[in-house]
Amino acid sequence: MEEKQRKKKLLIRKIIKIIIVIVLIGAAQYYFIKEKPVSNELAALVTKYNAACPVMISDDIRMESVNQLPDNTVQYDFTLVRVLKGSIDVAALKKSIEKEILAASKTNPSLEAFRDNDSTVIYHYMDSNQENLFIVTLTPEMY
């Protein structure tokens, strides 16, 4: 029973850190985006973001890269540096992060460029061994 409580506390801490990462990403985007970009400038923004990568977003999360994909899609790749896939409830963590990303996407002014350009944003999370944990996809219909 005590082990379950310890795991719950660890999961809650990780979720809080993920939320902080989302806010920091928004702040980083705000820093890089001085003017409202148009869709043909997304490639330039991705290049700027990648110039800073890899970058530690928090003690536990590293942004590895940002990639522009076909069909007006941008993908962020993150590593949870202190997490091993087998040590967490991946489904619960994904559900919590999806909820936070969706909430931030509707209100965060730094994500306005993606909203205005009807972009799809993919958040790809990996563990410390670079094993895929999960992917959260934010489509224009979700904003």
N, C-alpha and C. Protein backbone atom coordinates (compact mmCIF):
# COMPACT_ATOMS: atom_id res chain seq x y z
N MET A 1 0.82 -1.19 0.00
CA MET A 1 0.00 0.00 0.00
C MET A 1 0.87 1.26 0.00
N GLU A 2 1.92 1.24 0.82
CA GLU A 2 2.83 2.38 0.89
C GLU A 2 3.53 2.58 -0.46
N GLU A 3 3.84 1.50 -1.13
CA GLU A 3 4.48 1.57 -2.45
C GLU A 3 3.55 2.23 -3.46
N LYS A 4 2.26 1.93 -3.40
CA LYS A 4 1.28 2.56 -4.30
C LYS A 4 1.23 4.06 -4.06
N GLN A 5 1.22 4.47 -2.81
CA GLN A 5 1.18 5.89 -2.48
C GLN A 5 2.44 6.60 -2.97
N ARG A 6 3.57 5.94 -2.83
CA ARG A 6 4.83 6.52 -3.29
C ARG A 6 4.80 6.69 -4.81
N LYS A 7 4.30 5.69 -5.52
CA LYS A 7 4.20 5.77 -6.98
C LYS A 7 3.23 6.87 -7.41
N LYS A 8 2.13 7.02 -6.67
CA LYS A 8 1.17 8.09 -6.99
C LYS A 8 1.81 9.45 -6.81
N LYS A 9 2.56 9.62 -5.73
CA LYS A 9 3.22 10.89 -5.48
C LYS A 9 4.23 11.19 -6.59
N LEU A 10 4.97 10.17 -7.01
CA LEU A 10 5.93 10.36 -8.09
C LEU A 10 5.23 10.74 -9.38
N LEU A 11 4.11 10.10 -9.66
CA LEU A 11 3.36 10.40 -10.88
C LEU A 11 2.83 11.83 -10.83
N ILE A 12 2.33 12.25 -9.69
CA ILE A 12 1.83 13.61 -9.55
C ILE A 12 2.96 14.61 -9.76
N ARG A 13 4.12 14.34 -9.22
CA ARG A 13 5.27 15.24 -9.42
C ARG A 13 5.64 15.32 -10.89
N LYS A 14 5.62 14.19 -11.57
CA LYS A 14 5.95 14.17 -13.00
C LYS A 14 4.92 14.96 -13.81
N ILE A 15 3.66 14.82 -13.45
CA ILE A 15 2.60 15.56 -14.15
C ILE A 15 2.79 17.05 -13.96
N ILE A 16 3.11 17.46 -12.76
CA ILE A 16 3.34 18.89 -12.49
C ILE A 16 4.51 19.38 -13.32
N LYS A 17 5.56 18.58 -13.41
CA LYS A 17 6.71 18.98 -14.22
C LYS A 17 6.34 19.09 -15.69
N ILE A 18 5.50 18.19 -16.18
CA ILE A 18 5.06 18.25 -17.57
C ILE A 18 4.28 19.54 -17.82
N ILE A 19 3.42 19.89 -16.88
CA ILE A 19 2.65 21.13 -17.01
C ILE A 19 3.60 22.32 -17.07
N ILE A 20 4.62 22.30 -16.25
CA ILE A 20 5.62 23.38 -16.27
C ILE A 20 6.30 23.42 -17.63
N VAL A 21 6.59 22.26 -18.20
CA VAL A 21 7.22 22.20 -19.52
C VAL A 21 6.34 22.86 -20.57
N ILE A 22 5.06 22.57 -20.52
CA ILE A 22 4.13 23.16 -21.49
C ILE A 22 4.15 24.68 -21.38
N VAL A 23 4.15 25.17 -20.16
CA VAL A 23 4.19 26.62 -19.95
C VAL A 23 5.53 27.19 -20.45
N LEU A 24 6.63 26.48 -20.17
CA LEU A 24 7.93 26.96 -20.62
C LEU A 24 8.04 26.94 -22.14
N ILE A 25 7.45 25.95 -22.77
CA ILE A 25 7.45 25.91 -24.23
C ILE A 25 6.71 27.12 -24.78
N GLY A 26 5.58 27.41 -24.18
CA GLY A 26 4.83 28.59 -24.58
C GLY A 26 5.66 29.85 -24.41
N ALA A 27 6.37 29.94 -23.30
CA ALA A 27 7.21 31.12 -23.06
C ALA A 27 8.35 31.18 -24.08
N ALA A 28 8.94 30.03 -24.38
CA ALA A 28 10.01 30.01 -25.39
C ALA A 28 9.48 30.42 -26.76
N GLN A 29 8.30 29.96 -27.09
CA GLN A 29 7.71 30.34 -28.36
C GLN A 29 7.44 31.84 -28.38
N TYR A 30 6.96 32.38 -27.29
CA TYR A 30 6.70 33.81 -27.22
C TYR A 30 8.00 34.58 -27.42
N TYR A 31 9.07 34.09 -26.83
CA TYR A 31 10.38 34.74 -26.96
C TYR A 31 10.84 34.72 -28.40
N PHE A 32 10.68 33.60 -29.09
CA PHE A 32 11.14 33.47 -30.46
C PHE A 32 10.22 34.15 -31.46
N ILE A 33 8.95 34.30 -31.12
CA ILE A 33 7.98 34.86 -32.06
C ILE A 33 7.69 36.30 -31.63
N LYS A 34 8.36 37.24 -32.24
CA LYS A 34 8.13 38.64 -31.93
C LYS A 34 6.93 39.17 -32.70
N GLU A 35 6.74 38.70 -33.92
CA GLU A 35 5.61 39.10 -34.73
C GLU A 35 4.82 37.85 -35.08
N LYS A 36 3.58 38.05 -35.39
CA LYS A 36 2.72 36.94 -35.75
C LYS A 36 3.17 36.36 -37.09
N PRO A 37 3.61 35.10 -37.11
CA PRO A 37 4.11 34.52 -38.35
C PRO A 37 2.97 34.10 -39.27
N VAL A 38 3.28 33.96 -40.52
CA VAL A 38 2.35 33.37 -41.46
C VAL A 38 2.83 31.97 -41.74
N SER A 39 1.98 31.15 -42.34
CA SER A 39 2.30 29.73 -42.47
C SER A 39 3.63 29.45 -43.17
N ASN A 40 4.03 30.30 -44.15
CA ASN A 40 5.28 30.02 -44.84
C ASN A 40 6.50 30.36 -43.99
N GLU A 41 6.30 30.92 -42.82
CA GLU A 41 7.41 31.22 -41.93
C GLU A 41 7.60 30.14 -40.86
N LEU A 42 6.76 29.12 -40.85
CA LEU A 42 6.90 28.06 -39.85
C LEU A 42 8.26 27.38 -39.93
N ALA A 43 8.77 27.22 -41.14
CA ALA A 43 10.08 26.58 -41.30
C ALA A 43 11.17 27.40 -40.61
N ALA A 44 11.09 28.72 -40.72
CA ALA A 44 12.08 29.58 -40.06
C ALA A 44 11.97 29.46 -38.54
N LEU A 45 10.75 29.37 -38.04
CA LEU A 45 10.56 29.23 -36.60
C LEU A 45 11.12 27.91 -36.10
N VAL A 46 10.86 26.86 -36.85
CA VAL A 46 11.37 25.54 -36.47
C VAL A 46 12.90 25.57 -36.44
N THR A 47 13.50 26.24 -37.41
CA THR A 47 14.96 26.36 -37.44
C THR A 47 15.47 27.08 -36.20
N LYS A 48 14.79 28.15 -35.81
CA LYS A 48 15.19 28.88 -34.59
C LYS A 48 15.07 27.99 -33.36
N TYR A 49 13.96 27.25 -33.25
CA TYR A 49 13.78 26.38 -32.09
C TYR A 49 14.87 25.32 -32.02
N ASN A 50 15.19 24.76 -33.17
CA ASN A 50 16.20 23.70 -33.21
C ASN A 50 17.59 24.22 -32.88
N ALA A 51 17.84 25.49 -33.13
CA ALA A 51 19.14 26.06 -32.81
C ALA A 51 19.42 25.97 -31.31
N ALA A 52 18.37 25.98 -30.52
CA ALA A 52 18.53 25.91 -29.06
C ALA A 52 18.54 24.47 -28.54
N CYS A 53 18.21 23.51 -29.37
CA CYS A 53 18.08 22.11 -28.94
C CYS A 53 19.40 21.37 -29.00
N PRO A 54 19.60 20.38 -28.15
CA PRO A 54 18.70 20.00 -27.06
C PRO A 54 18.82 21.01 -25.92
N VAL A 55 17.70 21.21 -25.25
CA VAL A 55 17.66 22.17 -24.15
C VAL A 55 16.86 21.56 -23.00
N MET A 56 17.39 21.70 -21.80
CA MET A 56 16.69 21.22 -20.62
C MET A 56 15.58 22.21 -20.30
N ILE A 57 14.35 21.71 -20.30
CA ILE A 57 13.18 22.53 -19.98
C ILE A 57 12.99 22.59 -18.47
N SER A 58 13.31 21.50 -17.82
CA SER A 58 13.28 21.40 -16.36
C SER A 58 14.33 20.38 -15.97
N ASP A 59 14.39 20.06 -14.69
CA ASP A 59 15.36 19.05 -14.24
C ASP A 59 15.08 17.68 -14.85
N ASP A 60 13.84 17.45 -15.27
CA ASP A 60 13.45 16.13 -15.74
C ASP A 60 13.12 16.06 -17.22
N ILE A 61 13.03 17.18 -17.90
CA ILE A 61 12.55 17.16 -19.29
C ILE A 61 13.51 17.92 -20.19
N ARG A 62 13.87 17.25 -21.29
CA ARG A 62 14.75 17.85 -22.28
C ARG A 62 14.01 17.90 -23.62
N MET A 63 14.01 19.07 -24.25
CA MET A 63 13.46 19.17 -25.60
C MET A 63 14.60 18.83 -26.55
N GLU A 64 14.38 17.76 -27.31
CA GLU A 64 15.42 17.25 -28.20
C GLU A 64 15.44 17.97 -29.54
N SER A 65 14.26 18.18 -30.10
CA SER A 65 14.20 18.80 -31.43
C SER A 65 12.78 19.26 -31.72
N VAL A 66 12.69 20.10 -32.75
CA VAL A 66 11.41 20.54 -33.29
C VAL A 66 11.50 20.33 -34.79
N ASN A 67 10.50 19.69 -35.36
CA ASN A 67 10.56 19.36 -36.79
C ASN A 67 9.30 19.81 -37.50
N GLN A 68 9.49 20.32 -38.70
CA GLN A 68 8.34 20.64 -39.53
C GLN A 68 8.07 19.43 -40.42
N LEU A 69 6.84 18.96 -40.36
CA LEU A 69 6.43 17.79 -41.13
C LEU A 69 5.48 18.23 -42.23
N PRO A 70 5.18 17.35 -43.16
CA PRO A 70 4.22 17.72 -44.22
C PRO A 70 2.85 18.07 -43.65
N ASP A 71 2.06 18.72 -44.47
CA ASP A 71 0.68 19.07 -44.13
C ASP A 71 0.57 20.03 -42.95
N ASN A 72 1.48 21.02 -42.91
CA ASN A 72 1.40 22.07 -41.92
C ASN A 72 1.46 21.52 -40.49
N THR A 73 2.36 20.60 -40.27
CA THR A 73 2.49 19.93 -38.98
C THR A 73 3.87 20.21 -38.39
N VAL A 74 3.89 20.45 -37.08
CA VAL A 74 5.13 20.67 -36.34
C VAL A 74 5.19 19.63 -35.23
N GLN A 75 6.37 19.03 -35.04
CA GLN A 75 6.53 18.01 -34.00
C GLN A 75 7.62 18.41 -33.03
N TYR A 76 7.28 18.36 -31.73
CA TYR A 76 8.24 18.55 -30.66
C TYR A 76 8.62 17.19 -30.13
N ASP A 77 9.92 16.97 -29.91
CA ASP A 77 10.42 15.72 -29.34
C ASP A 77 11.01 16.01 -27.97
N PHE A 78 10.48 15.31 -26.95
CA PHE A 78 10.93 15.50 -25.57
C PHE A 78 11.43 14.18 -24.99
N THR A 79 12.40 14.30 -24.09
CA THR A 79 12.87 13.16 -23.31
C THR A 79 12.60 13.44 -21.84
N LEU A 80 11.96 12.48 -21.19
CA LEU A 80 11.80 12.54 -19.73
C LEU A 80 13.04 11.86 -19.17
N VAL A 81 14.04 12.64 -18.79
CA VAL A 81 15.38 12.14 -18.51
C VAL A 81 15.50 11.27 -17.27
N ARG A 82 14.54 11.34 -16.38
CA ARG A 82 14.61 10.53 -15.16
C ARG A 82 13.51 9.47 -15.12
N VAL A 83 12.97 9.15 -16.28
CA VAL A 83 11.86 8.21 -16.34
C VAL A 83 12.24 7.02 -17.20
N LEU A 84 11.89 5.84 -16.71
CA LEU A 84 11.99 4.62 -17.50
C LEU A 84 10.58 4.15 -17.77
N LYS A 85 10.36 3.68 -18.97
CA LYS A 85 9.02 3.31 -19.41
C LYS A 85 8.32 2.38 -18.42
N GLY A 86 9.01 1.43 -17.89
CA GLY A 86 8.41 0.47 -16.98
C GLY A 86 8.13 1.00 -15.58
N SER A 87 8.58 2.21 -15.28
CA SER A 87 8.44 2.72 -13.91
C SER A 87 7.26 3.66 -13.72
N ILE A 88 6.49 3.93 -14.78
CA ILE A 88 5.37 4.86 -14.65
C ILE A 88 4.13 4.28 -15.33
N ASP A 89 3.01 4.85 -14.99
CA ASP A 89 1.75 4.50 -15.65
C ASP A 89 1.64 5.41 -16.87
N VAL A 90 2.07 4.90 -18.02
CA VAL A 90 2.15 5.69 -19.24
C VAL A 90 0.78 6.21 -19.66
N ALA A 91 -0.24 5.39 -19.57
CA ALA A 91 -1.59 5.80 -19.99
C ALA A 91 -2.11 6.95 -19.14
N ALA A 92 -1.90 6.88 -17.85
CA ALA A 92 -2.37 7.96 -16.95
C ALA A 92 -1.60 9.25 -17.21
N LEU A 93 -0.30 9.13 -17.42
CA LEU A 93 0.51 10.31 -17.71
C LEU A 93 0.09 10.94 -19.02
N LYS A 94 -0.13 10.13 -20.04
CA LYS A 94 -0.56 10.65 -21.35
C LYS A 94 -1.91 11.37 -21.23
N LYS A 95 -2.84 10.77 -20.53
CA LYS A 95 -4.16 11.38 -20.38
C LYS A 95 -4.06 12.74 -19.72
N SER A 96 -3.26 12.83 -18.69
CA SER A 96 -3.09 14.09 -17.97
C SER A 96 -2.43 15.15 -18.86
N ILE A 97 -1.41 14.75 -19.59
CA ILE A 97 -0.70 15.69 -20.46
C ILE A 97 -1.60 16.15 -21.60
N GLU A 98 -2.38 15.24 -22.17
CA GLU A 98 -3.32 15.62 -23.24
C GLU A 98 -4.26 16.72 -22.76
N LYS A 99 -4.76 16.56 -21.57
CA LYS A 99 -5.70 17.53 -21.00
C LYS A 99 -5.03 18.89 -20.86
N GLU A 100 -3.81 18.92 -20.35
CA GLU A 100 -3.08 20.17 -20.15
C GLU A 100 -2.71 20.82 -21.48
N ILE A 101 -2.30 20.03 -22.45
CA ILE A 101 -1.94 20.58 -23.76
C ILE A 101 -3.16 21.20 -24.41
N LEU A 102 -4.28 20.53 -24.34
CA LEU A 102 -5.51 21.06 -24.95
C LEU A 102 -5.92 22.37 -24.29
N ALA A 103 -5.85 22.43 -22.98
CA ALA A 103 -6.21 23.67 -22.27
C ALA A 103 -5.26 24.81 -22.65
N ALA A 104 -3.98 24.52 -22.71
CA ALA A 104 -3.00 25.55 -23.07
C ALA A 104 -3.16 25.99 -24.51
N SER A 105 -3.53 25.09 -25.38
CA SER A 105 -3.63 25.41 -26.80
C SER A 105 -4.73 26.42 -27.09
N LYS A 106 -5.75 26.43 -26.27
CA LYS A 106 -6.88 27.33 -26.49
C LYS A 106 -6.65 28.72 -25.93
N THR A 107 -5.76 28.85 -24.96
CA THR A 107 -5.61 30.12 -24.27
C THR A 107 -4.22 30.73 -24.35
N ASN A 108 -3.20 29.94 -24.60
CA ASN A 108 -1.83 30.43 -24.57
C ASN A 108 -1.54 31.30 -25.78
N PRO A 109 -1.23 32.59 -25.57
CA PRO A 109 -0.99 33.48 -26.71
C PRO A 109 0.22 33.07 -27.54
N SER A 110 1.18 32.38 -26.95
CA SER A 110 2.36 31.97 -27.72
C SER A 110 2.06 30.85 -28.70
N LEU A 111 0.91 30.20 -28.55
CA LEU A 111 0.51 29.16 -29.49
C LEU A 111 -0.41 29.71 -30.58
N GLU A 112 -0.61 31.01 -30.55
CA GLU A 112 -1.50 31.66 -31.51
C GLU A 112 -1.04 31.43 -32.95
N ALA A 113 0.25 31.39 -33.19
CA ALA A 113 0.76 31.18 -34.54
C ALA A 113 0.26 29.86 -35.11
N PHE A 114 0.24 28.84 -34.28
CA PHE A 114 -0.24 27.54 -34.75
C PHE A 114 -1.74 27.55 -34.96
N ARG A 115 -2.46 28.23 -34.06
CA ARG A 115 -3.92 28.34 -34.23
C ARG A 115 -4.25 29.09 -35.50
N ASP A 116 -3.59 30.21 -35.72
CA ASP A 116 -3.88 31.04 -36.88
C ASP A 116 -3.54 30.37 -38.20
N ASN A 117 -2.57 29.48 -38.17
CA ASN A 117 -2.14 28.82 -39.40
C ASN A 117 -2.74 27.42 -39.55
N ASP A 118 -3.71 27.09 -38.71
CA ASP A 118 -4.35 25.77 -38.75
C ASP A 118 -3.31 24.65 -38.77
N SER A 119 -2.33 24.77 -37.90
CA SER A 119 -1.26 23.78 -37.82
C SER A 119 -1.65 22.63 -36.90
N THR A 120 -1.12 21.48 -37.21
CA THR A 120 -1.19 20.34 -36.32
C THR A 120 0.11 20.30 -35.54
N VAL A 121 0.03 20.11 -34.23
CA VAL A 121 1.22 20.06 -33.40
C VAL A 121 1.27 18.69 -32.72
N ILE A 122 2.41 18.04 -32.88
CA ILE A 122 2.62 16.71 -32.29
C ILE A 122 3.64 16.84 -31.17
N TYR A 123 3.29 16.30 -30.01
CA TYR A 123 4.19 16.27 -28.86
C TYR A 123 4.60 14.81 -28.66
N HIS A 124 5.87 14.53 -28.89
CA HIS A 124 6.39 13.16 -28.81
C HIS A 124 7.27 13.04 -27.56
N TYR A 125 6.92 12.11 -26.69
CA TYR A 125 7.64 11.91 -25.43
C TYR A 125 8.36 10.58 -25.43
N MET A 126 9.62 10.61 -24.95
CA MET A 126 10.45 9.40 -24.84
C MET A 126 10.99 9.31 -23.41
N ASP A 127 11.37 8.09 -23.03
CA ASP A 127 11.97 7.93 -21.71
C ASP A 127 13.47 8.15 -21.80
N SER A 128 14.18 7.95 -20.70
CA SER A 128 15.61 8.23 -20.65
C SER A 128 16.42 7.31 -21.56
N ASN A 129 15.85 6.19 -21.96
CA ASN A 129 16.52 5.28 -22.90
C ASN A 129 16.09 5.52 -24.35
N GLN A 130 15.41 6.63 -24.57
CA GLN A 130 14.90 7.02 -25.88
C GLN A 130 13.84 6.04 -26.42
N GLU A 131 13.18 5.35 -25.50
CA GLU A 131 12.05 4.50 -25.89
C GLU A 131 10.81 5.38 -25.96
N ASN A 132 9.99 5.16 -26.97
CA ASN A 132 8.77 5.93 -27.12
C ASN A 132 7.85 5.69 -25.93
N LEU A 133 7.37 6.78 -25.34
CA LEU A 133 6.37 6.67 -24.28
C LEU A 133 4.99 6.87 -24.89
N PHE A 134 4.79 8.04 -25.53
CA PHE A 134 3.50 8.33 -26.15
C PHE A 134 3.62 9.56 -27.02
N ILE A 135 2.59 9.76 -27.81
CA ILE A 135 2.49 10.94 -28.68
C ILE A 135 1.13 11.58 -28.43
N VAL A 136 1.13 12.89 -28.30
CA VAL A 136 -0.10 13.67 -28.19
C VAL A 136 -0.18 14.53 -29.44
N THR A 137 -1.28 14.42 -30.17
CA THR A 137 -1.47 15.18 -31.39
C THR A 137 -2.57 16.21 -31.19
N LEU A 138 -2.25 17.44 -31.49
CA LEU A 138 -3.18 18.55 -31.37
C LEU A 138 -3.52 19.02 -32.78
N THR A 139 -4.76 18.83 -33.19
CA THR A 139 -5.19 19.23 -34.53
C THR A 139 -5.90 20.58 -34.48
N PRO A 140 -6.00 21.27 -35.61
CA PRO A 140 -6.66 22.59 -35.62
C PRO A 140 -8.09 22.54 -35.10
N GLU A 141 -8.79 21.46 -35.28
CA GLU A 141 -10.16 21.34 -34.80
C GLU A 141 -10.24 21.35 -33.28
N MET A 142 -9.14 21.04 -32.63
CA MET A 142 -9.11 20.94 -31.17
C MET A 142 -8.87 22.28 -30.48
N TYR A 143 -8.39 23.28 -31.21
CA TYR A 143 -8.06 24.57 -30.59
C TYR A 143 -9.28 25.22 -30.04
